[in-house]
Amino acid sequence: MSSSWSFSFKPADATETMGEKNLQRRTMRADIFYPIILAVQITMVYLVVQMGTEIALAMPVTLPFGLQLLVELAASMYLLDLFTGLIHLNFDYQAIQNKELYLHTERDVPGIQRFNKHDPLFLTASKEDQFLWNFLVHHDVPYPAADTDYDLVMQIGKPVMAIPVSLTLAYSVGLTLPGFVVRVILMLSALAPATNHIHIWAHARTRNLIRSPIWRFLQDYHLVLNPDVHKKHHEEYDCNFCLVNGWANPVVNRLAALMRHFGLLVDEPPTITMRRQRDLHVAAKELKAVPEQEPADATTSDPPPTES
């Protein structure tokens, strides 16, 4: 293995090892929920194929079947990586409207969970601001996840379940697609619920918490999100937005640069701006908290020393 892919990380602290011990868990284990998602997806594939074999066979097979599926799997992973990068880019550059919420942060998972459940500042904010705050606080507390495994799956799983349903409804009204397109779309929707965990496990690897040699191999060879590649996002905040394997980062990074050039994105990453404004806000509060010193009484002060 190339030395450029070697990793040397500091030991995890107590908060970070929560991810290894799964103390923030959980409503339903991910290893139970993933098979349920896959079973539903496979059922939808079966229904689509049964409703019209031309959907699955509309494109003449020009490659051996196994190689065809491998190419389609790679295409679905690239597209999923591209979509996650574009979504991540969009939300990273969204503004929280509530100024006080914008300036607030937490430093660990228990703090985030308490703030979400009990703090009036969060509870009275708009749903959009709540979502954006929870999305952006990941830059301050990148690991472990404040959400449960079930929530991490459902955040992606619920919307993508509409994909196979939409394909079935589309066929029912006479719309057909080439077979390879259908298979790529269905593979993408089957892989999508794992996206959040792929991202979180990259942060776990950064903290030396990934023990599986298979998963480490996949990360080292960029088949899933490589920790060093994603680490750059948490250092610069204006690049490497993709969350599946990083294959689409060159496209999304160039798109972001182009958007900055034309003024569609601000030049400075919002996270850096936010942190600077937080520091200024904290400094101003500390300055106000310092009691003013009373001026010395001129009648009792010692006379200035005379020059010899």
Protein backbone atom coordinates (compact mmCIF):
# COMPACT_ATOMS: atom_id res chain seq x y z
CA MET A 1 0.00 0.00 0.00
CA SER A 2 1.20 3.47 -0.81
CA SER A 3 2.66 5.34 2.12
CA SER A 4 0.42 8.28 1.24
CA TRP A 5 -2.52 6.19 2.45
CA SER A 6 -1.04 5.40 5.85
CA PHE A 7 -2.69 6.85 8.92
CA SER A 8 -1.35 8.13 12.21
CA PHE A 9 -4.01 9.41 14.57
CA LYS A 10 -4.18 10.61 18.15
CA PRO A 11 -6.06 8.42 20.64
CA ALA A 12 -9.77 9.08 20.98
CA ASP A 13 -11.01 10.96 24.00
CA ALA A 14 -13.90 9.86 26.23
CA THR A 15 -16.58 11.58 24.15
CA GLU A 16 -15.29 10.12 20.91
CA THR A 17 -15.22 6.57 22.24
CA MET A 18 -18.96 6.87 22.78
CA GLY A 19 -19.21 5.99 19.11
CA GLU A 20 -17.29 2.76 19.67
CA LYS A 21 -19.31 1.80 22.75
CA ASN A 22 -22.57 3.01 21.16
CA LEU A 23 -23.70 4.77 24.32
CA GLN A 24 -25.83 7.14 22.26
CA ARG A 25 -27.74 4.18 20.85
CA ARG A 26 -30.45 3.56 20.08
CA THR A 27 -33.92 2.89 18.87
CA MET A 28 -33.11 0.12 16.42
CA ARG A 29 -29.74 -1.38 15.59
CA ALA A 30 -28.41 -0.51 12.14
CA ASP A 31 -27.50 -4.16 11.48
CA ILE A 32 -31.20 -4.98 11.93
CA PHE A 33 -32.55 -2.06 9.96
CA TYR A 34 -30.26 -2.35 6.90
CA PRO A 35 -31.62 -5.81 5.97
CA ILE A 36 -35.16 -4.43 6.28
CA ILE A 37 -34.33 -1.59 3.88
CA LEU A 38 -32.66 -4.02 1.47
CA ALA A 39 -35.60 -6.43 1.64
CA VAL A 40 -38.02 -3.63 0.76
CA GLN A 41 -35.78 -2.51 -2.10
CA ILE A 42 -35.49 -6.06 -3.47
CA THR A 43 -39.26 -6.42 -3.27
CA MET A 44 -39.69 -3.21 -5.25
CA VAL A 45 -37.20 -4.43 -7.87
CA TYR A 46 -39.17 -7.66 -8.21
CA LEU A 47 -42.42 -5.74 -8.65
CA VAL A 48 -40.89 -3.46 -11.27
CA VAL A 49 -39.47 -6.37 -13.27
CA GLN A 50 -42.68 -8.39 -13.00
CA MET A 51 -44.77 -5.44 -14.18
CA GLY A 52 -42.78 -5.11 -17.38
CA THR A 53 -39.78 -7.14 -18.47
CA GLU A 54 -38.92 -4.51 -21.07
CA ILE A 55 -37.80 -2.27 -18.21
CA ALA A 56 -35.12 -4.76 -17.24
CA LEU A 57 -34.24 -5.81 -20.78
CA ALA A 58 -34.64 -2.62 -22.79
CA MET A 59 -30.87 -2.22 -23.29
CA PRO A 60 -29.01 -4.93 -25.24
CA VAL A 61 -26.38 -6.52 -23.01
CA THR A 62 -22.98 -5.60 -24.46
CA LEU A 63 -20.90 -6.77 -21.48
CA PRO A 64 -20.78 -10.05 -19.56
CA PHE A 65 -23.59 -9.97 -17.02
CA GLY A 66 -21.32 -9.85 -13.95
CA LEU A 67 -19.19 -7.07 -15.43
CA GLN A 68 -22.33 -5.18 -16.46
CA LEU A 69 -23.59 -5.24 -12.87
CA LEU A 70 -20.17 -4.16 -11.57
CA VAL A 71 -20.13 -1.17 -13.92
CA GLU A 72 -23.68 -0.28 -12.90
CA LEU A 73 -22.75 -0.57 -9.21
CA ALA A 74 -19.80 1.79 -9.75
CA ALA A 75 -22.09 4.22 -11.59
CA SER A 76 -24.63 4.15 -8.76
CA MET A 77 -21.89 4.79 -6.16
CA TYR A 78 -20.53 7.71 -8.18
CA LEU A 79 -23.97 9.27 -8.59
CA LEU A 80 -24.74 8.81 -4.89
CA ASP A 81 -21.40 10.40 -4.00
CA LEU A 82 -22.18 13.29 -6.35
CA PHE A 83 -25.64 13.83 -4.87
CA THR A 84 -24.36 13.78 -1.28
CA GLY A 85 -21.64 16.27 -2.24
CA LEU A 86 -24.13 18.69 -3.81
CA ILE A 87 -26.52 18.39 -0.85
CA HIS A 88 -23.66 18.88 1.64
CA LEU A 89 -22.39 21.91 -0.29
CA ASN A 90 -25.86 23.45 -0.30
CA PHE A 91 -26.50 23.08 3.43
CA ASP A 92 -22.98 24.13 4.44
CA TYR A 93 -23.62 27.49 2.75
CA GLN A 94 -27.14 28.04 4.11
CA ALA A 95 -27.57 30.77 6.73
CA ILE A 96 -29.21 30.31 10.12
CA GLN A 97 -31.62 33.24 10.45
CA ASN A 98 -31.84 33.27 14.25
CA LYS A 99 -28.73 35.27 15.21
CA GLU A 100 -28.55 33.93 18.77
CA LEU A 101 -28.87 30.33 17.57
CA TYR A 102 -26.31 31.05 14.85
CA LEU A 103 -23.79 32.08 17.51
CA HIS A 104 -24.49 29.13 19.79
CA THR A 105 -22.55 25.87 19.71
CA GLU A 106 -22.02 22.77 21.83
CA ARG A 107 -18.81 20.86 22.37
CA ASP A 108 -19.97 17.27 22.86
CA VAL A 109 -22.83 14.90 22.08
CA PRO A 110 -24.57 15.09 25.48
CA GLY A 111 -24.55 18.89 25.19
CA ILE A 112 -26.15 18.73 21.73
CA GLN A 113 -28.81 16.31 22.95
CA ARG A 114 -29.65 18.46 25.99
CA PHE A 115 -29.78 21.60 23.83
CA ASN A 116 -32.10 19.92 21.30
CA LYS A 117 -34.50 18.62 23.96
CA HIS A 118 -34.60 21.32 26.62
CA ASP A 119 -33.18 24.69 25.55
CA PRO A 120 -35.79 27.34 24.63
CA LEU A 121 -33.33 28.88 22.18
CA PHE A 122 -33.51 25.74 20.06
CA LEU A 123 -37.12 24.79 20.75
CA THR A 124 -38.50 28.20 19.73
CA ALA A 125 -36.42 28.44 16.55
CA SER A 126 -37.91 27.71 13.13
CA LYS A 127 -37.75 24.13 11.84
CA GLU A 128 -35.37 25.27 9.10
CA ASP A 129 -33.01 26.89 11.60
CA GLN A 130 -33.18 23.81 13.84
CA PHE A 131 -32.25 21.60 10.91
CA LEU A 132 -29.39 23.85 9.79
CA TRP A 133 -28.00 24.15 13.33
CA ASN A 134 -28.00 20.37 13.75
CA PHE A 135 -26.39 20.00 10.34
CA LEU A 136 -23.64 22.58 10.93
CA VAL A 137 -22.82 21.62 14.53
CA HIS A 138 -21.22 18.52 13.03
CA HIS A 139 -18.22 20.73 12.21
CA ASP A 140 -17.80 21.41 15.93
CA VAL A 141 -18.57 17.86 17.10
CA PRO A 142 -17.66 15.61 14.17
CA TYR A 143 -17.76 12.36 16.13
CA PRO A 144 -19.70 10.50 17.40
CA ALA A 145 -23.11 11.19 15.91
CA ALA A 146 -25.66 12.90 18.12
CA ASP A 147 -28.43 11.01 16.27
CA THR A 148 -29.26 7.37 16.84
CA ASP A 149 -28.36 4.69 14.29
CA TYR A 150 -32.04 4.42 13.44
CA ASP A 151 -32.25 8.18 12.81
CA LEU A 152 -29.08 8.13 10.70
CA VAL A 153 -30.63 5.47 8.47
CA MET A 154 -34.08 7.02 8.31
CA GLN A 155 -32.80 10.52 7.42
CA ILE A 156 -31.79 9.07 4.05
CA GLY A 157 -33.92 5.94 3.93
CA LYS A 158 -37.32 7.62 4.08
CA PRO A 159 -36.87 9.96 1.10
CA VAL A 160 -35.14 7.38 -1.12
CA MET A 161 -37.95 4.89 -0.58
CA ALA A 162 -39.88 7.13 -2.94
CA ILE A 163 -37.54 6.13 -5.78
CA PRO A 164 -38.70 2.53 -6.40
CA VAL A 165 -42.28 3.55 -5.72
CA SER A 166 -41.96 6.30 -8.35
CA LEU A 167 -40.48 3.84 -10.86
CA THR A 168 -43.42 1.51 -10.36
CA LEU A 169 -45.95 4.33 -10.71
CA ALA A 170 -44.14 5.62 -13.80
CA TYR A 171 -44.43 2.24 -15.47
CA SER A 172 -48.08 2.02 -14.55
CA VAL A 173 -48.76 5.12 -16.69
CA GLY A 174 -46.68 3.84 -19.60
CA LEU A 175 -43.27 5.40 -18.93
CA THR A 176 -40.42 2.93 -19.48
CA LEU A 177 -36.68 3.33 -18.98
CA PRO A 178 -33.68 1.34 -20.21
CA GLY A 179 -32.90 -1.59 -17.96
CA PHE A 180 -29.42 -0.36 -16.98
CA VAL A 181 -30.92 2.99 -15.90
CA VAL A 182 -33.46 1.25 -13.69
CA ARG A 183 -30.82 -0.97 -12.13
CA VAL A 184 -28.47 1.97 -11.42
CA ILE A 185 -31.31 3.93 -9.82
CA LEU A 186 -32.38 0.99 -7.67
CA MET A 187 -28.79 0.24 -6.60
CA LEU A 188 -28.38 3.90 -5.66
CA SER A 189 -31.54 3.85 -3.56
CA ALA A 190 -30.47 0.60 -1.86
CA LEU A 191 -27.04 2.04 -0.93
CA ALA A 192 -28.28 5.49 0.10
CA PRO A 193 -29.43 4.61 3.66
CA ALA A 194 -25.84 3.66 4.54
CA THR A 195 -24.50 7.11 3.58
CA ASN A 196 -24.55 8.65 7.05
CA HIS A 197 -22.77 5.67 8.56
CA ILE A 198 -20.09 5.66 5.85
CA HIS A 199 -19.46 9.31 6.75
CA ILE A 200 -19.44 8.69 10.51
CA TRP A 201 -17.10 5.70 10.15
CA ALA A 202 -14.59 7.90 8.33
CA HIS A 203 -14.49 10.05 11.48
CA ALA A 204 -14.22 6.90 13.60
CA ARG A 205 -11.18 5.82 11.57
CA THR A 206 -9.59 9.23 12.14
CA ARG A 207 -9.83 8.42 15.87
CA ASN A 208 -8.46 4.89 15.44
CA LEU A 209 -11.80 3.29 16.29
CA ILE A 210 -12.30 1.17 13.17
CA ARG A 211 -11.13 -2.37 13.88
CA SER A 212 -12.53 -4.22 10.86
CA PRO A 213 -9.70 -4.98 8.39
CA ILE A 214 -12.26 -5.18 5.59
CA TRP A 215 -13.64 -1.71 6.28
CA ARG A 216 -10.14 -0.28 6.70
CA PHE A 217 -9.23 -1.80 3.33
CA LEU A 218 -12.29 -0.22 1.70
CA GLN A 219 -11.37 3.16 3.21
CA ASP A 220 -7.68 2.92 2.29
CA TYR A 221 -8.47 2.15 -1.34
CA HIS A 222 -11.20 4.83 -1.60
CA LEU A 223 -14.02 2.37 -2.20
CA VAL A 224 -15.77 4.11 0.70
CA LEU A 225 -15.00 7.53 2.18
CA ASN A 226 -11.29 7.81 2.97
CA PRO A 227 -10.59 9.57 6.32
CA ASP A 228 -7.76 11.72 4.99
CA VAL A 229 -9.87 12.91 2.06
CA HIS A 230 -12.76 13.92 4.31
CA LYS A 231 -10.44 15.34 6.97
CA LYS A 232 -9.52 18.10 4.53
CA HIS A 233 -13.15 19.24 4.55
CA HIS A 234 -12.97 19.70 8.32
CA GLU A 235 -9.79 21.73 7.97
CA GLU A 236 -10.80 24.05 5.11
CA TYR A 237 -14.62 23.72 4.95
CA ASP A 238 -14.79 24.72 1.28
CA CYS A 239 -13.90 21.42 -0.44
CA ASN A 240 -14.36 17.62 -0.34
CA PHE A 241 -18.09 17.69 0.36
CA CYS A 242 -18.83 14.18 -0.96
CA LEU A 243 -19.70 11.56 1.65
CA VAL A 244 -19.76 8.12 0.01
CA ASN A 245 -16.30 7.55 -1.47
CA GLY A 246 -15.05 10.94 -2.65
CA TRP A 247 -15.02 9.98 -6.33
CA ALA A 248 -17.12 13.02 -7.24
CA ASN A 249 -15.09 15.52 -5.18
CA PRO A 250 -13.21 16.87 -8.24
CA VAL A 251 -16.51 17.78 -9.89
CA VAL A 252 -18.15 19.27 -6.78
CA ASN A 253 -14.96 21.15 -5.79
CA ARG A 254 -14.72 22.75 -9.23
CA LEU A 255 -18.42 23.58 -9.19
CA ALA A 256 -17.98 25.29 -5.79
CA ALA A 257 -14.98 27.26 -7.09
CA LEU A 258 -16.99 28.32 -10.15
CA MET A 259 -19.90 29.42 -7.98
CA ARG A 260 -17.55 31.47 -5.78
CA HIS A 261 -16.06 33.07 -8.89
CA PHE A 262 -19.49 34.24 -10.04
CA GLY A 263 -20.58 35.35 -6.58
CA LEU A 264 -23.09 32.54 -6.06
CA LEU A 265 -21.18 31.43 -2.96
CA VAL A 266 -19.37 33.63 -0.46
CA ASP A 267 -15.58 33.52 -0.63
CA GLU A 268 -15.03 32.56 3.00
CA PRO A 269 -16.60 29.27 4.15
CA PRO A 270 -19.54 30.06 6.46
CA THR A 271 -18.14 27.85 9.21
CA ILE A 272 -15.00 30.00 9.44
CA THR A 273 -17.08 33.19 9.44
CA MET A 274 -19.38 31.74 12.10
CA ARG A 275 -16.47 30.80 14.37
CA ARG A 276 -14.89 34.22 14.08
CA GLN A 277 -18.18 35.91 14.94
CA ARG A 278 -18.66 33.54 17.88
CA ASP A 279 -15.21 34.42 19.19
CA LEU A 280 -15.99 38.14 18.91
CA HIS A 281 -19.34 37.59 20.62
CA VAL A 282 -17.75 35.69 23.51
CA ALA A 283 -15.00 38.31 23.85
CA ALA A 284 -17.61 41.09 23.98
CA LYS A 285 -19.59 39.26 26.67
CA GLU A 286 -16.44 38.70 28.73
CA LEU A 287 -15.52 42.38 28.40
CA LYS A 288 -18.97 43.39 29.67
CA ALA A 289 -18.61 41.02 32.60
CA VAL A 290 -15.40 42.70 33.84
CA PRO A 291 -16.34 45.27 36.55
CA GLU A 292 -15.19 48.79 35.88
CA GLN A 293 -12.39 49.99 38.16
CA GLU A 294 -13.06 53.20 40.04
CA PRO A 295 -10.63 56.04 39.24
CA ALA A 296 -8.01 56.70 41.89
CA ASP A 297 -8.70 59.64 44.27
CA ALA A 298 -6.40 62.49 43.20
CA THR A 299 -6.21 63.91 46.75
CA THR A 300 -4.91 60.69 48.28
CA SER A 301 -2.70 59.44 45.48
CA ASP A 302 1.00 59.49 45.99
CA PRO A 303 2.81 62.39 44.29
CA PRO A 304 4.73 61.48 41.17
CA PRO A 305 8.40 60.81 41.76
CA THR A 306 10.71 63.74 41.16
CA GLU A 307 13.51 63.47 38.73
CA SER A 308 16.96 63.63 40.27
